[in-house]
N, C-alpha and C. Protein backbone atom coordinates (compact mmCIF):
# COMPACT_ATOMS: atom_id res chain seq x y z
N MET A 1 19.65 4.20 38.97
CA MET A 1 18.27 3.74 38.87
C MET A 1 18.00 2.72 39.98
N THR A 2 16.85 2.81 40.63
CA THR A 2 16.52 1.89 41.72
C THR A 2 16.12 0.54 41.13
N LYS A 3 16.01 -0.46 42.02
CA LYS A 3 15.56 -1.79 41.58
C LYS A 3 14.19 -1.71 40.95
N PHE A 4 13.32 -0.91 41.58
CA PHE A 4 11.96 -0.75 41.07
C PHE A 4 12.00 -0.15 39.66
N GLY A 5 12.88 0.85 39.44
CA GLY A 5 13.01 1.50 38.14
C GLY A 5 13.51 0.52 37.08
N SER A 6 14.44 -0.34 37.42
CA SER A 6 14.96 -1.35 36.49
C SER A 6 13.87 -2.32 36.07
N TRP A 7 13.08 -2.70 37.05
CA TRP A 7 11.98 -3.63 36.76
C TRP A 7 10.97 -2.99 35.81
N GLN A 8 10.64 -1.70 36.05
CA GLN A 8 9.73 -0.98 35.18
C GLN A 8 10.29 -0.87 33.76
N ALA A 9 11.57 -0.57 33.67
CA ALA A 9 12.22 -0.45 32.36
C ALA A 9 12.15 -1.78 31.60
N LEU A 10 12.33 -2.88 32.30
CA LEU A 10 12.26 -4.21 31.68
C LEU A 10 10.85 -4.48 31.15
N VAL A 11 9.83 -4.13 31.95
CA VAL A 11 8.44 -4.33 31.53
C VAL A 11 8.14 -3.50 30.28
N VAL A 12 8.56 -2.25 30.29
CA VAL A 12 8.33 -1.36 29.13
C VAL A 12 9.03 -1.93 27.90
N ALA A 13 10.26 -2.41 28.06
CA ALA A 13 11.01 -2.98 26.93
C ALA A 13 10.30 -4.21 26.37
N LEU A 14 9.78 -5.05 27.26
CA LEU A 14 9.06 -6.24 26.82
C LEU A 14 7.77 -5.88 26.08
N ILE A 15 7.08 -4.84 26.56
CA ILE A 15 5.85 -4.40 25.88
C ILE A 15 6.17 -3.91 24.48
N PHE A 16 7.25 -3.10 24.34
CA PHE A 16 7.63 -2.61 23.02
C PHE A 16 8.08 -3.76 22.11
N ALA A 17 8.77 -4.73 22.66
CA ALA A 17 9.21 -5.89 21.86
C ALA A 17 8.00 -6.68 21.36
N ALA A 18 7.02 -6.89 22.25
CA ALA A 18 5.80 -7.62 21.85
C ALA A 18 5.04 -6.84 20.79
N ALA A 19 4.92 -5.53 20.95
CA ALA A 19 4.22 -4.70 19.96
C ALA A 19 4.94 -4.76 18.63
N GLY A 20 6.27 -4.72 18.67
CA GLY A 20 7.05 -4.81 17.44
C GLY A 20 6.83 -6.13 16.73
N MET A 21 6.79 -7.22 17.48
CA MET A 21 6.57 -8.55 16.91
C MET A 21 5.19 -8.65 16.27
N VAL A 22 4.17 -8.13 16.94
CA VAL A 22 2.81 -8.15 16.39
C VAL A 22 2.77 -7.36 15.09
N THR A 23 3.41 -6.18 15.07
CA THR A 23 3.46 -5.35 13.87
C THR A 23 4.17 -6.09 12.74
N TYR A 24 5.31 -6.74 13.05
CA TYR A 24 6.06 -7.48 12.04
C TYR A 24 5.22 -8.62 11.45
N ILE A 25 4.58 -9.39 12.33
CA ILE A 25 3.78 -10.52 11.86
C ILE A 25 2.64 -10.02 10.98
N GLY A 26 1.95 -8.97 11.41
CA GLY A 26 0.85 -8.42 10.63
C GLY A 26 1.31 -7.93 9.27
N THR A 27 2.46 -7.23 9.22
CA THR A 27 2.99 -6.71 7.96
C THR A 27 3.45 -7.85 7.07
N ARG A 28 4.11 -8.85 7.67
CA ARG A 28 4.59 -9.98 6.89
C ARG A 28 3.42 -10.68 6.20
N ASP A 29 2.31 -10.86 6.89
CA ASP A 29 1.16 -11.54 6.31
C ASP A 29 0.56 -10.75 5.15
N LEU A 30 0.71 -9.43 5.16
CA LEU A 30 0.18 -8.62 4.07
C LEU A 30 0.98 -8.82 2.79
N HIS A 31 2.27 -9.16 2.93
CA HIS A 31 3.14 -9.25 1.77
C HIS A 31 3.34 -10.67 1.25
N GLU A 32 3.02 -11.66 2.03
CA GLU A 32 3.18 -13.05 1.60
C GLU A 32 1.87 -13.57 1.03
N LYS A 33 1.99 -14.49 0.08
CA LYS A 33 0.78 -15.14 -0.44
C LYS A 33 0.20 -16.01 0.67
N PRO A 34 -1.08 -15.90 0.95
CA PRO A 34 -1.66 -16.67 2.05
C PRO A 34 -1.74 -18.16 1.73
N ASP A 35 -1.20 -18.96 2.59
CA ASP A 35 -1.34 -20.41 2.55
C ASP A 35 -1.04 -21.04 1.19
N ARG A 36 0.02 -20.62 0.56
CA ARG A 36 0.46 -21.24 -0.69
C ARG A 36 1.36 -22.41 -0.33
N ARG A 37 1.02 -23.59 -0.78
CA ARG A 37 1.73 -24.81 -0.38
C ARG A 37 2.37 -25.45 -1.61
N ASP A 38 3.46 -24.90 -2.05
CA ASP A 38 4.10 -25.36 -3.28
C ASP A 38 4.75 -26.73 -3.08
N PHE A 39 5.08 -27.37 -4.17
CA PHE A 39 5.72 -28.68 -4.12
C PHE A 39 6.53 -28.89 -5.39
N LEU A 40 7.37 -29.90 -5.37
CA LEU A 40 8.11 -30.34 -6.55
C LEU A 40 7.96 -31.86 -6.63
N LEU A 41 7.25 -32.32 -7.66
CA LEU A 41 7.02 -33.75 -7.88
C LEU A 41 7.28 -34.08 -9.35
N GLN A 42 6.96 -35.30 -9.76
CA GLN A 42 7.13 -35.71 -11.16
C GLN A 42 5.81 -36.17 -11.75
N GLY A 43 5.61 -35.80 -13.01
CA GLY A 43 4.44 -36.27 -13.74
C GLY A 43 4.65 -37.68 -14.25
N THR A 44 3.65 -38.21 -14.92
CA THR A 44 3.72 -39.60 -15.38
C THR A 44 4.75 -39.81 -16.48
N GLU A 45 5.21 -38.74 -17.11
CA GLU A 45 6.25 -38.84 -18.14
C GLU A 45 7.63 -38.52 -17.56
N GLY A 46 7.71 -38.35 -16.25
CA GLY A 46 8.99 -38.07 -15.60
C GLY A 46 9.34 -36.59 -15.52
N GLN A 47 8.46 -35.71 -16.00
CA GLN A 47 8.74 -34.27 -15.99
C GLN A 47 8.53 -33.68 -14.59
N ALA A 48 9.30 -32.65 -14.27
CA ALA A 48 9.14 -31.95 -12.99
C ALA A 48 7.83 -31.18 -13.01
N VAL A 49 7.10 -31.24 -11.90
CA VAL A 49 5.82 -30.54 -11.78
C VAL A 49 5.78 -29.81 -10.46
N THR A 50 5.43 -28.52 -10.51
CA THR A 50 5.22 -27.72 -9.30
C THR A 50 3.77 -27.26 -9.30
N LEU A 51 3.37 -26.59 -8.24
CA LEU A 51 2.02 -26.07 -8.14
C LEU A 51 1.71 -25.09 -9.27
N ASP A 52 2.73 -24.37 -9.75
CA ASP A 52 2.53 -23.41 -10.84
C ASP A 52 2.04 -24.05 -12.13
N ALA A 53 2.24 -25.34 -12.29
CA ALA A 53 1.76 -26.03 -13.49
C ALA A 53 0.25 -25.96 -13.61
N PHE A 54 -0.44 -25.70 -12.50
CA PHE A 54 -1.91 -25.69 -12.49
C PHE A 54 -2.48 -24.28 -12.32
N LYS A 55 -1.62 -23.28 -12.51
CA LYS A 55 -2.06 -21.88 -12.35
C LYS A 55 -3.24 -21.61 -13.29
N GLY A 56 -4.25 -20.95 -12.74
CA GLY A 56 -5.44 -20.64 -13.53
C GLY A 56 -6.54 -21.70 -13.42
N LYS A 57 -6.23 -22.82 -12.77
CA LYS A 57 -7.22 -23.89 -12.59
C LYS A 57 -7.54 -24.06 -11.10
N TRP A 58 -8.75 -24.49 -10.83
CA TRP A 58 -9.13 -24.91 -9.48
C TRP A 58 -8.66 -26.36 -9.34
N VAL A 59 -7.80 -26.63 -8.39
CA VAL A 59 -7.22 -27.96 -8.24
C VAL A 59 -7.94 -28.73 -7.14
N LEU A 60 -8.36 -29.95 -7.46
CA LEU A 60 -8.87 -30.90 -6.47
C LEU A 60 -7.78 -31.94 -6.29
N MET A 61 -7.09 -31.88 -5.15
CA MET A 61 -5.93 -32.74 -4.91
C MET A 61 -6.28 -33.86 -3.94
N PHE A 62 -5.87 -35.07 -4.32
CA PHE A 62 -6.14 -36.24 -3.49
C PHE A 62 -4.87 -37.08 -3.39
N PHE A 63 -4.52 -37.50 -2.18
CA PHE A 63 -3.37 -38.38 -1.96
C PHE A 63 -3.89 -39.81 -1.83
N GLY A 64 -3.26 -40.75 -2.54
CA GLY A 64 -3.68 -42.14 -2.46
C GLY A 64 -2.66 -43.05 -3.11
N PHE A 65 -3.09 -44.24 -3.50
CA PHE A 65 -2.18 -45.18 -4.17
C PHE A 65 -2.99 -46.14 -5.04
N THR A 66 -2.36 -46.62 -6.10
CA THR A 66 -3.10 -47.39 -7.10
C THR A 66 -3.52 -48.78 -6.63
N SER A 67 -2.87 -49.31 -5.61
CA SER A 67 -3.25 -50.63 -5.09
C SER A 67 -4.35 -50.54 -4.04
N CYS A 68 -4.83 -49.36 -3.78
CA CYS A 68 -5.88 -49.14 -2.78
C CYS A 68 -7.15 -49.88 -3.21
N PRO A 69 -7.72 -50.69 -2.33
CA PRO A 69 -8.86 -51.51 -2.74
C PRO A 69 -10.20 -50.78 -2.83
N ASP A 70 -10.38 -49.68 -2.09
CA ASP A 70 -11.71 -49.08 -2.07
C ASP A 70 -11.74 -47.57 -2.01
N ILE A 71 -11.11 -46.95 -1.02
CA ILE A 71 -11.24 -45.50 -0.83
C ILE A 71 -10.74 -44.72 -2.04
N CYS A 72 -9.57 -45.07 -2.55
CA CYS A 72 -9.00 -44.31 -3.68
C CYS A 72 -9.85 -44.41 -4.95
N PRO A 73 -10.20 -45.62 -5.40
CA PRO A 73 -11.03 -45.67 -6.61
C PRO A 73 -12.40 -45.01 -6.41
N ASN A 74 -12.98 -45.18 -5.22
CA ASN A 74 -14.29 -44.56 -4.96
C ASN A 74 -14.19 -43.04 -4.97
N THR A 75 -13.11 -42.51 -4.39
CA THR A 75 -12.92 -41.06 -4.38
C THR A 75 -12.70 -40.53 -5.79
N LEU A 76 -11.89 -41.22 -6.58
CA LEU A 76 -11.64 -40.78 -7.95
C LEU A 76 -12.91 -40.85 -8.80
N LEU A 77 -13.73 -41.86 -8.58
CA LEU A 77 -15.03 -41.93 -9.27
C LEU A 77 -15.93 -40.78 -8.82
N ASN A 78 -15.89 -40.48 -7.54
CA ASN A 78 -16.69 -39.38 -7.01
C ASN A 78 -16.27 -38.05 -7.62
N ILE A 79 -14.97 -37.85 -7.77
CA ILE A 79 -14.46 -36.62 -8.39
C ILE A 79 -14.92 -36.56 -9.85
N ALA A 80 -14.84 -37.69 -10.56
CA ALA A 80 -15.30 -37.72 -11.97
C ALA A 80 -16.78 -37.38 -12.06
N ASN A 81 -17.59 -37.91 -11.15
CA ASN A 81 -19.03 -37.62 -11.14
C ASN A 81 -19.30 -36.17 -10.76
N THR A 82 -18.46 -35.62 -9.89
CA THR A 82 -18.60 -34.21 -9.52
C THR A 82 -18.31 -33.31 -10.72
N LEU A 83 -17.28 -33.65 -11.49
CA LEU A 83 -16.96 -32.88 -12.69
C LEU A 83 -18.12 -32.93 -13.68
N GLU A 84 -18.73 -34.09 -13.79
CA GLU A 84 -19.89 -34.23 -14.68
C GLU A 84 -21.03 -33.34 -14.20
N ALA A 85 -21.25 -33.31 -12.87
CA ALA A 85 -22.32 -32.50 -12.30
C ALA A 85 -22.03 -31.00 -12.44
N LEU A 86 -20.74 -30.63 -12.55
CA LEU A 86 -20.38 -29.23 -12.72
C LEU A 86 -20.73 -28.70 -14.11
N GLY A 87 -20.87 -29.60 -15.07
CA GLY A 87 -21.19 -29.18 -16.43
C GLY A 87 -20.06 -28.35 -17.02
N PRO A 88 -20.38 -27.21 -17.66
CA PRO A 88 -19.36 -26.39 -18.32
C PRO A 88 -18.27 -25.85 -17.37
N ASP A 89 -18.61 -25.71 -16.09
CA ASP A 89 -17.61 -25.21 -15.13
C ASP A 89 -16.47 -26.21 -14.90
N ALA A 90 -16.66 -27.45 -15.28
CA ALA A 90 -15.64 -28.49 -15.07
C ALA A 90 -14.34 -28.17 -15.82
N LYS A 91 -14.44 -27.39 -16.89
CA LYS A 91 -13.24 -27.06 -17.67
C LYS A 91 -12.23 -26.25 -16.85
N ASP A 92 -12.70 -25.62 -15.77
CA ASP A 92 -11.83 -24.81 -14.92
C ASP A 92 -11.26 -25.59 -13.74
N VAL A 93 -11.54 -26.88 -13.67
CA VAL A 93 -11.12 -27.71 -12.53
C VAL A 93 -10.12 -28.77 -13.00
N GLN A 94 -9.05 -28.93 -12.23
CA GLN A 94 -8.04 -29.96 -12.53
C GLN A 94 -7.87 -30.91 -11.35
N PRO A 95 -8.35 -32.15 -11.46
CA PRO A 95 -8.08 -33.13 -10.41
C PRO A 95 -6.62 -33.59 -10.47
N VAL A 96 -6.00 -33.73 -9.31
CA VAL A 96 -4.61 -34.16 -9.21
C VAL A 96 -4.53 -35.28 -8.17
N PHE A 97 -3.93 -36.40 -8.58
CA PHE A 97 -3.77 -37.56 -7.70
C PHE A 97 -2.29 -37.71 -7.39
N ILE A 98 -1.92 -37.61 -6.12
CA ILE A 98 -0.53 -37.76 -5.70
C ILE A 98 -0.38 -39.09 -4.98
N THR A 99 0.49 -39.94 -5.50
CA THR A 99 0.67 -41.24 -4.86
C THR A 99 1.43 -41.12 -3.55
N VAL A 100 1.07 -41.95 -2.59
CA VAL A 100 1.82 -42.07 -1.35
C VAL A 100 2.62 -43.38 -1.35
N ASP A 101 2.66 -44.02 -2.53
CA ASP A 101 3.35 -45.31 -2.70
C ASP A 101 4.26 -45.27 -3.92
N PRO A 102 5.30 -44.41 -3.91
CA PRO A 102 6.15 -44.28 -5.08
C PRO A 102 6.93 -45.54 -5.44
N GLU A 103 7.05 -46.43 -4.46
CA GLU A 103 7.77 -47.70 -4.71
C GLU A 103 7.07 -48.51 -5.80
N ARG A 104 5.75 -48.52 -5.79
CA ARG A 104 4.99 -49.28 -6.80
C ARG A 104 4.38 -48.38 -7.87
N ASP A 105 4.04 -47.15 -7.49
CA ASP A 105 3.33 -46.27 -8.43
C ASP A 105 4.29 -45.43 -9.26
N THR A 106 4.85 -46.07 -10.26
CA THR A 106 5.70 -45.36 -11.22
C THR A 106 4.82 -44.52 -12.14
N GLY A 107 5.44 -43.70 -12.96
CA GLY A 107 4.69 -42.88 -13.91
C GLY A 107 3.76 -43.70 -14.80
N PRO A 108 4.25 -44.74 -15.46
CA PRO A 108 3.38 -45.54 -16.33
C PRO A 108 2.24 -46.22 -15.57
N VAL A 109 2.51 -46.70 -14.35
CA VAL A 109 1.46 -47.34 -13.55
C VAL A 109 0.36 -46.32 -13.23
N LEU A 110 0.76 -45.11 -12.81
CA LEU A 110 -0.20 -44.05 -12.51
C LEU A 110 -1.03 -43.70 -13.75
N LYS A 111 -0.35 -43.58 -14.88
CA LYS A 111 -1.03 -43.19 -16.12
C LYS A 111 -2.11 -44.21 -16.49
N ASP A 112 -1.76 -45.49 -16.45
CA ASP A 112 -2.73 -46.55 -16.77
C ASP A 112 -3.90 -46.56 -15.79
N TYR A 113 -3.58 -46.41 -14.51
CA TYR A 113 -4.61 -46.45 -13.47
C TYR A 113 -5.60 -45.29 -13.62
N LEU A 114 -5.07 -44.10 -13.80
CA LEU A 114 -5.92 -42.91 -13.84
C LEU A 114 -6.75 -42.81 -15.12
N ALA A 115 -6.37 -43.55 -16.15
CA ALA A 115 -7.17 -43.57 -17.39
C ALA A 115 -8.56 -44.14 -17.13
N ASN A 116 -8.72 -44.88 -16.04
CA ASN A 116 -10.01 -45.47 -15.69
C ASN A 116 -11.00 -44.48 -15.09
N PHE A 117 -10.57 -43.23 -14.87
CA PHE A 117 -11.42 -42.27 -14.16
C PHE A 117 -11.68 -41.01 -14.99
N GLY A 118 -11.99 -41.22 -16.24
CA GLY A 118 -12.41 -40.11 -17.10
C GLY A 118 -11.30 -39.44 -17.88
N GLY A 119 -10.05 -39.78 -17.61
CA GLY A 119 -8.95 -39.21 -18.38
C GLY A 119 -8.60 -37.77 -18.03
N HIS A 120 -9.17 -37.23 -16.97
CA HIS A 120 -8.91 -35.83 -16.62
C HIS A 120 -7.94 -35.68 -15.46
N VAL A 121 -7.65 -36.77 -14.76
CA VAL A 121 -6.85 -36.68 -13.53
C VAL A 121 -5.36 -36.70 -13.86
N VAL A 122 -4.63 -35.74 -13.32
CA VAL A 122 -3.17 -35.69 -13.46
C VAL A 122 -2.57 -36.52 -12.34
N GLY A 123 -1.68 -37.43 -12.68
CA GLY A 123 -1.00 -38.25 -11.68
C GLY A 123 0.38 -37.73 -11.38
N LEU A 124 0.74 -37.69 -10.10
CA LEU A 124 2.06 -37.22 -9.69
C LEU A 124 2.71 -38.22 -8.74
N THR A 125 4.00 -38.39 -8.93
CA THR A 125 4.81 -39.23 -8.06
C THR A 125 6.08 -38.46 -7.73
N GLY A 126 7.05 -39.13 -7.17
CA GLY A 126 8.31 -38.47 -6.83
C GLY A 126 9.12 -39.35 -5.92
N THR A 127 10.16 -38.80 -5.36
CA THR A 127 10.95 -39.56 -4.40
C THR A 127 10.15 -39.64 -3.09
N ALA A 128 10.54 -40.56 -2.24
CA ALA A 128 9.88 -40.67 -0.94
C ALA A 128 9.95 -39.36 -0.18
N LYS A 129 11.09 -38.66 -0.27
CA LYS A 129 11.27 -37.39 0.43
C LYS A 129 10.35 -36.31 -0.16
N GLN A 130 10.26 -36.22 -1.49
CA GLN A 130 9.40 -35.22 -2.12
C GLN A 130 7.94 -35.42 -1.72
N ILE A 131 7.51 -36.68 -1.72
CA ILE A 131 6.12 -36.97 -1.37
C ILE A 131 5.86 -36.67 0.10
N ALA A 132 6.81 -37.02 0.96
CA ALA A 132 6.66 -36.73 2.39
C ALA A 132 6.56 -35.22 2.63
N GLN A 133 7.37 -34.43 1.93
CA GLN A 133 7.34 -32.97 2.09
C GLN A 133 5.99 -32.41 1.61
N THR A 134 5.52 -32.91 0.47
CA THR A 134 4.24 -32.43 -0.07
C THR A 134 3.09 -32.80 0.85
N ALA A 135 3.09 -34.04 1.31
CA ALA A 135 2.02 -34.49 2.22
C ALA A 135 2.02 -33.66 3.50
N ALA A 136 3.19 -33.35 4.02
CA ALA A 136 3.28 -32.55 5.25
C ALA A 136 2.71 -31.16 5.02
N ARG A 137 2.98 -30.58 3.85
CA ARG A 137 2.45 -29.24 3.55
C ARG A 137 0.93 -29.23 3.49
N TYR A 138 0.35 -30.36 3.10
CA TYR A 138 -1.11 -30.45 3.01
C TYR A 138 -1.71 -31.19 4.19
N GLN A 139 -0.91 -31.35 5.25
CA GLN A 139 -1.36 -32.01 6.49
C GLN A 139 -2.01 -33.35 6.19
N THR A 140 -1.38 -34.09 5.30
CA THR A 140 -1.86 -35.41 4.92
C THR A 140 -1.00 -36.47 5.60
N PHE A 141 -1.66 -37.39 6.27
CA PHE A 141 -0.98 -38.49 6.96
C PHE A 141 -0.94 -39.70 6.05
N TYR A 142 0.17 -40.42 6.06
CA TYR A 142 0.20 -41.74 5.43
C TYR A 142 1.30 -42.56 6.08
N SER A 143 1.12 -43.88 6.05
CA SER A 143 2.15 -44.77 6.58
C SER A 143 2.03 -46.13 5.92
N LYS A 144 3.15 -46.80 5.84
CA LYS A 144 3.22 -48.14 5.25
C LYS A 144 2.89 -49.15 6.34
N ARG A 145 2.02 -50.11 5.99
CA ARG A 145 1.65 -51.14 6.96
C ARG A 145 1.86 -52.51 6.34
N THR A 146 2.61 -53.36 7.04
CA THR A 146 2.89 -54.71 6.54
C THR A 146 1.63 -55.57 6.60
N THR A 147 1.42 -56.35 5.54
CA THR A 147 0.29 -57.28 5.48
C THR A 147 0.84 -58.67 5.13
N GLU A 148 -0.04 -59.67 5.11
CA GLU A 148 0.39 -61.03 4.75
C GLU A 148 0.89 -61.08 3.32
N ASP A 149 0.33 -60.25 2.46
CA ASP A 149 0.71 -60.24 1.04
C ASP A 149 1.85 -59.30 0.71
N GLY A 150 2.33 -58.55 1.66
CA GLY A 150 3.38 -57.56 1.41
C GLY A 150 3.17 -56.32 2.25
N TYR A 151 2.53 -55.30 1.66
CA TYR A 151 2.22 -54.10 2.44
C TYR A 151 1.07 -53.33 1.80
N THR A 152 0.50 -52.46 2.60
CA THR A 152 -0.52 -51.53 2.12
C THR A 152 -0.18 -50.16 2.67
N MET A 153 -0.93 -49.15 2.27
CA MET A 153 -0.69 -47.79 2.74
C MET A 153 -1.94 -47.28 3.46
N ASP A 154 -1.77 -46.83 4.68
CA ASP A 154 -2.84 -46.13 5.38
C ASP A 154 -2.65 -44.64 5.08
N HIS A 155 -3.74 -43.91 4.84
CA HIS A 155 -3.58 -42.50 4.49
C HIS A 155 -4.85 -41.69 4.75
N SER A 156 -4.65 -40.38 4.85
CA SER A 156 -5.78 -39.45 4.97
C SER A 156 -6.58 -39.48 3.68
N THR A 157 -7.84 -39.07 3.77
CA THR A 157 -8.71 -39.21 2.59
C THR A 157 -9.34 -37.91 2.10
N ALA A 158 -8.96 -36.78 2.65
CA ALA A 158 -9.58 -35.52 2.23
C ALA A 158 -9.22 -35.16 0.80
N VAL A 159 -10.14 -34.47 0.13
CA VAL A 159 -9.89 -33.90 -1.19
C VAL A 159 -9.65 -32.42 -0.97
N GLU A 160 -8.44 -31.96 -1.30
CA GLU A 160 -8.03 -30.58 -1.03
C GLU A 160 -8.38 -29.68 -2.21
N LEU A 161 -8.88 -28.48 -1.92
CA LEU A 161 -9.19 -27.50 -2.95
C LEU A 161 -8.16 -26.38 -2.92
N ILE A 162 -7.57 -26.12 -4.09
CA ILE A 162 -6.57 -25.06 -4.25
C ILE A 162 -7.08 -24.09 -5.31
N SER A 163 -6.96 -22.80 -5.03
CA SER A 163 -7.48 -21.77 -5.93
C SER A 163 -6.60 -21.65 -7.18
N PRO A 164 -7.09 -20.94 -8.21
CA PRO A 164 -6.28 -20.73 -9.42
C PRO A 164 -4.98 -19.96 -9.16
N GLU A 165 -4.90 -19.27 -8.02
CA GLU A 165 -3.67 -18.56 -7.65
C GLU A 165 -2.73 -19.45 -6.83
N GLY A 166 -3.13 -20.70 -6.59
CA GLY A 166 -2.29 -21.62 -5.84
C GLY A 166 -2.44 -21.54 -4.34
N VAL A 167 -3.57 -21.03 -3.87
CA VAL A 167 -3.79 -20.88 -2.43
C VAL A 167 -4.71 -22.00 -1.94
N TYR A 168 -4.28 -22.68 -0.88
CA TYR A 168 -5.12 -23.72 -0.27
C TYR A 168 -6.36 -23.07 0.33
N LEU A 169 -7.55 -23.62 0.01
CA LEU A 169 -8.79 -23.05 0.50
C LEU A 169 -9.51 -23.90 1.53
N ARG A 170 -9.70 -25.18 1.23
CA ARG A 170 -10.45 -26.04 2.14
C ARG A 170 -10.33 -27.49 1.70
N ALA A 171 -10.93 -28.38 2.50
CA ALA A 171 -10.96 -29.80 2.17
C ALA A 171 -12.41 -30.25 2.03
N PHE A 172 -12.62 -31.19 1.13
CA PHE A 172 -13.92 -31.84 0.98
C PHE A 172 -13.79 -33.27 1.46
N ARG A 173 -14.92 -33.84 1.88
CA ARG A 173 -14.94 -35.27 2.24
C ARG A 173 -14.88 -36.08 0.94
N PRO A 174 -14.22 -37.23 0.95
CA PRO A 174 -14.11 -38.02 -0.27
C PRO A 174 -15.42 -38.65 -0.71
N ASP A 175 -16.39 -38.74 0.23
CA ASP A 175 -17.66 -39.39 -0.11
C ASP A 175 -18.82 -38.40 -0.19
N ASP A 176 -18.50 -37.10 -0.34
CA ASP A 176 -19.57 -36.12 -0.53
C ASP A 176 -20.39 -36.49 -1.76
N ASP A 177 -21.70 -36.30 -1.68
CA ASP A 177 -22.56 -36.55 -2.83
C ASP A 177 -22.08 -35.67 -3.99
N PRO A 178 -21.89 -36.23 -5.19
CA PRO A 178 -21.36 -35.44 -6.31
C PRO A 178 -22.14 -34.16 -6.61
N ASP A 179 -23.47 -34.22 -6.50
CA ASP A 179 -24.27 -33.01 -6.75
C ASP A 179 -24.01 -31.95 -5.68
N ASP A 180 -23.93 -32.38 -4.41
CA ASP A 180 -23.63 -31.43 -3.32
C ASP A 180 -22.21 -30.90 -3.45
N PHE A 181 -21.29 -31.79 -3.77
CA PHE A 181 -19.88 -31.43 -3.98
C PHE A 181 -19.79 -30.36 -5.07
N ALA A 182 -20.46 -30.60 -6.20
CA ALA A 182 -20.44 -29.66 -7.32
C ALA A 182 -21.06 -28.33 -6.93
N LYS A 183 -22.13 -28.38 -6.16
CA LYS A 183 -22.81 -27.15 -5.73
C LYS A 183 -21.89 -26.31 -4.85
N GLU A 184 -21.23 -26.96 -3.88
CA GLU A 184 -20.31 -26.24 -2.99
C GLU A 184 -19.11 -25.69 -3.76
N LEU A 185 -18.59 -26.51 -4.66
CA LEU A 185 -17.43 -26.11 -5.45
C LEU A 185 -17.79 -24.92 -6.34
N ARG A 186 -18.94 -24.98 -6.97
CA ARG A 186 -19.39 -23.88 -7.84
C ARG A 186 -19.56 -22.59 -7.04
N ALA A 187 -20.08 -22.71 -5.82
CA ALA A 187 -20.26 -21.52 -4.97
C ALA A 187 -18.91 -20.87 -4.66
N VAL A 188 -17.90 -21.69 -4.36
CA VAL A 188 -16.55 -21.14 -4.08
C VAL A 188 -16.00 -20.50 -5.35
N MET A 189 -16.17 -21.14 -6.48
CA MET A 189 -15.66 -20.62 -7.75
C MET A 189 -16.32 -19.28 -8.11
N ARG A 190 -17.59 -19.15 -7.85
CA ARG A 190 -18.31 -17.92 -8.19
C ARG A 190 -17.92 -16.78 -7.27
N LYS A 191 -17.59 -17.09 -6.01
CA LYS A 191 -17.20 -16.07 -5.05
C LYS A 191 -15.82 -15.50 -5.34
N SER A 192 -15.01 -16.29 -6.06
CA SER A 192 -13.63 -15.90 -6.31
C SER A 192 -13.55 -14.67 -7.20
N PRO A 193 -12.58 -13.76 -6.91
CA PRO A 193 -12.42 -12.57 -7.74
C PRO A 193 -11.82 -12.87 -9.10
N THR A 194 -11.31 -14.11 -9.31
CA THR A 194 -10.69 -14.43 -10.61
C THR A 194 -11.72 -14.84 -11.62
């Protein structure tokens, strides 16, 4: 085979390899659940909790911490008001609060804190590694920042929506008007085949 022939053979081989990769990726996506972001954390009673615990519910997930002075309580109040605006559809929605401060936010601390927001929010904690893995799966940023009084936590503020099948769908702003939030959420729920 001439040099030119070898070069042509290499090009043809690369084209077939690329086509094979595209076919594999396309087939793989057909068989995998789209954008399922599972986790393993602990509930307020110390029990193991995975995403499957919320199967059949629309999950509104928020990462925060109980010592947060403003964004976290305001977001949790906003979620409570959104559930109220949803009316009967609220029974199909489960708010979930995941702490980014497991050092201070033990199960009992989370339970007491979340009781202030309508009693519907499930609190989750875990080891630093478990929380870091979960936050990474949901593209949530957080970091510890030293203050004069000790420390605080900087963190992302999006409210994540997960379908009843456990598929990540979208994020809401934490300060969306509760009526608008409920309207958008209801529209997604009605479009769903479940």
